Amino acid sequence: MNNEKNERRRHKRSQFPATAKVVLAGKESQAQLLDFSLKGARIEHDGSWQVSPGQTCELYVEIHPMAEIAVQATIARIEGRQLALQASEPAQVVWHN
């Protein structure tokens, strides 16, 4: 079944282990980024978050000391401490001075 699920995906997921910053309900927290695609991501949090499908959040992943990927997303699925995020807008690279 897992292969069937992967074949149905429009965008290839890439393993991207990194620490991510997540802003959810105005609160900034850290999460572990597990994988990333053009239209979403899968993250794992510490278990203390109160979340539900449909909530919106912002995901930030550092890709360079002066740049990060910023994604506006919606929680599509919750599996224990893992959240599947669906991007609501294309990801942007944000450069810092």
C-alpha atoms as a PDB file:
ATOM      1  CA  MET A   1       0.000   0.000   0.000  1.00  0.00           C
ATOM      2  CA  ASN A   2       2.817   2.417   0.785  1.00  0.00           C
ATOM      3  CA  ASN A   3       4.106   2.172  -2.814  1.00  0.00           C
ATOM      4  CA  GLU A   4       0.605   2.860  -4.140  1.00  0.00           C
ATOM      5  CA  LYS A   5       0.377   5.923  -1.908  1.00  0.00           C
ATOM      6  CA  ASN A   6       3.747   7.238  -3.143  1.00  0.00           C
ATOM      7  CA  GLU A   7       2.767   6.679  -6.782  1.00  0.00           C
ATOM      8  CA  ARG A   8      -0.347   8.827  -6.336  1.00  0.00           C
ATOM      9  CA  ARG A   9       1.663  11.805  -5.100  1.00  0.00           C
ATOM     10  CA  ARG A  10       1.943  14.707  -7.523  1.00  0.00           C
ATOM     11  CA  HIS A  11       5.185  15.943  -6.008  1.00  0.00           C
ATOM     12  CA  LYS A  12       8.116  13.791  -4.977  1.00  0.00           C
ATOM     13  CA  ARG A  13       8.935  13.874  -1.280  1.00  0.00           C
ATOM     14  CA  SER A  14      12.563  14.299  -0.311  1.00  0.00           C
ATOM     15  CA  GLN A  15      14.063  13.243   2.989  1.00  0.00           C
ATOM     16  CA  PHE A  16      15.144  16.486   4.588  1.00  0.00           C
ATOM     17  CA  PRO A  17      16.093  15.946   8.220  1.00  0.00           C
ATOM     18  CA  ALA A  18      16.357  19.377   9.831  1.00  0.00           C
ATOM     19  CA  THR A  19      15.020  21.421  12.694  1.00  0.00           C
ATOM     20  CA  ALA A  20      12.148  23.636  11.632  1.00  0.00           C
ATOM     21  CA  LYS A  21      10.489  26.640  13.213  1.00  0.00           C
ATOM     22  CA  VAL A  22       6.692  26.412  13.241  1.00  0.00           C
ATOM     23  CA  VAL A  23       4.334  29.283  14.059  1.00  0.00           C
ATOM     24  CA  LEU A  24       0.947  27.908  15.093  1.00  0.00           C
ATOM     25  CA  ALA A  25      -1.809  30.009  16.658  1.00  0.00           C
ATOM     26  CA  GLY A  26       0.693  32.843  17.154  1.00  0.00           C
ATOM     27  CA  LYS A  27       3.128  30.660  19.105  1.00  0.00           C
ATOM     28  CA  GLU A  28       6.595  29.784  17.785  1.00  0.00           C
ATOM     29  CA  SER A  29       7.881  26.256  18.418  1.00  0.00           C
ATOM     30  CA  GLN A  30      10.536  23.892  17.126  1.00  0.00           C
ATOM     31  CA  ALA A  31       9.812  20.667  15.240  1.00  0.00           C
ATOM     32  CA  GLN A  32      11.793  18.054  13.370  1.00  0.00           C
ATOM     33  CA  LEU A  33      11.333  18.226   9.608  1.00  0.00           C
ATOM     34  CA  LEU A  34      11.081  14.670   8.276  1.00  0.00           C
ATOM     35  CA  ASP A  35      10.431  15.215   4.584  1.00  0.00           C
ATOM     36  CA  PHE A  36       9.568  17.994   2.187  1.00  0.00           C
ATOM     37  CA  SER A  37       7.938  18.362  -1.248  1.00  0.00           C
ATOM     38  CA  LEU A  38       6.832  21.241  -3.448  1.00  0.00           C
ATOM     39  CA  LYS A  39       3.369  21.193  -1.898  1.00  0.00           C
ATOM     40  CA  GLY A  40       3.897  19.997   1.659  1.00  0.00           C
ATOM     41  CA  ALA A  41       5.989  18.634   4.463  1.00  0.00           C
ATOM     42  CA  ARG A  42       5.916  16.133   7.280  1.00  0.00           C
ATOM     43  CA  ILE A  43       7.112  17.245  10.709  1.00  0.00           C
ATOM     44  CA  GLU A  44       7.314  15.735  14.175  1.00  0.00           C
ATOM     45  CA  HIS A  45       6.712  17.761  17.339  1.00  0.00           C
ATOM     46  CA  ASP A  46       7.443  17.022  21.000  1.00  0.00           C
ATOM     47  CA  GLY A  47       3.893  15.906  21.799  1.00  0.00           C
ATOM     48  CA  SER A  48       2.845  19.023  23.691  1.00  0.00           C
ATOM     49  CA  TRP A  49       1.030  20.736  20.817  1.00  0.00           C
ATOM     50  CA  GLN A  50      -2.758  20.977  20.723  1.00  0.00           C
ATOM     51  CA  VAL A  51      -3.539  20.727  17.001  1.00  0.00           C
ATOM     52  CA  SER A  52      -6.324  19.660  14.716  1.00  0.00           C
ATOM     53  CA  PRO A  53      -6.658  19.110  10.969  1.00  0.00           C
ATOM     54  CA  GLY A  54      -7.453  22.314   9.104  1.00  0.00           C
ATOM     55  CA  GLN A  55      -5.391  24.588  11.355  1.00  0.00           C
ATOM     56  CA  THR A  56      -3.034  26.903   9.526  1.00  0.00           C
ATOM     57  CA  CYS A  57       0.611  27.415  10.365  1.00  0.00           C
ATOM     58  CA  GLU A  58       3.852  28.836   9.053  1.00  0.00           C
ATOM     59  CA  LEU A  59       6.864  26.584   8.535  1.00  0.00           C
ATOM     60  CA  TYR A  60      10.425  27.933   8.334  1.00  0.00           C
ATOM     61  CA  VAL A  61      13.462  25.820   7.450  1.00  0.00           C
ATOM     62  CA  GLU A  62      16.970  27.267   7.432  1.00  0.00           C
ATOM     63  CA  ILE A  63      18.812  26.409   4.213  1.00  0.00           C
ATOM     64  CA  HIS A  64      21.722  28.821   4.630  1.00  0.00           C
ATOM     65  CA  PRO A  65      22.923  30.961   7.550  1.00  0.00           C
ATOM     66  CA  MET A  66      21.224  33.928   5.852  1.00  0.00           C
ATOM     67  CA  ALA A  67      18.247  32.226   4.170  1.00  0.00           C
ATOM     68  CA  GLU A  68      15.261  30.078   5.000  1.00  0.00           C
ATOM     69  CA  ILE A  69      12.350  28.470   3.194  1.00  0.00           C
ATOM     70  CA  ALA A  70       9.015  29.901   4.350  1.00  0.00           C
ATOM     71  CA  VAL A  71       5.773  27.985   3.776  1.00  0.00           C
ATOM     72  CA  GLN A  72       2.176  28.889   4.631  1.00  0.00           C
ATOM     73  CA  ALA A  73       0.455  25.558   5.302  1.00  0.00           C
ATOM     74  CA  THR A  74      -2.587  23.751   6.613  1.00  0.00           C
ATOM     75  CA  ILE A  75      -2.459  20.665   8.826  1.00  0.00           C
ATOM     76  CA  ALA A  76      -3.802  17.933   6.553  1.00  0.00           C
ATOM     77  CA  ARG A  77      -3.286  14.902   8.796  1.00  0.00           C
ATOM     78  CA  ILE A  78      -2.159  14.016  12.304  1.00  0.00           C
ATOM     79  CA  GLU A  79      -0.494  10.688  13.090  1.00  0.00           C
ATOM     80  CA  GLY A  80       0.632  10.699  16.712  1.00  0.00           C
ATOM     81  CA  ARG A  81       3.295  13.402  16.995  1.00  0.00           C
ATOM     82  CA  GLN A  82       3.700  13.666  13.224  1.00  0.00           C
ATOM     83  CA  LEU A  83       1.846  16.262  11.200  1.00  0.00           C
ATOM     84  CA  ALA A  84       1.339  16.224   7.447  1.00  0.00           C
ATOM     85  CA  LEU A  85       1.289  19.801   6.194  1.00  0.00           C
ATOM     86  CA  GLN A  86      -0.189  20.913   2.883  1.00  0.00           C
ATOM     87  CA  ALA A  87       1.223  24.144   1.469  1.00  0.00           C
ATOM     88  CA  SER A  88      -1.478  26.723   0.831  1.00  0.00           C
ATOM     89  CA  GLU A  89       0.906  28.919  -1.186  1.00  0.00           C
ATOM     90  CA  PRO A  90       4.179  28.197  -2.999  1.00  0.00           C
ATOM     91  CA  ALA A  91       7.212  28.118  -0.725  1.00  0.00           C
ATOM     92  CA  GLN A  92       9.386  31.219  -0.701  1.00  0.00           C
ATOM     93  CA  VAL A  93      13.053  31.700   0.042  1.00  0.00           C
ATOM     94  CA  VAL A  94      13.528  34.519   2.537  1.00  0.00           C
ATOM     95  CA  TRP A  95      16.997  36.118   2.721  1.00  0.00           C
ATOM     96  CA  HIS A  96      18.154  37.847   5.897  1.00  0.00           C
ATOM     97  CA  ASN A  97      20.648  40.708   5.995  1.00  0.00           C
END
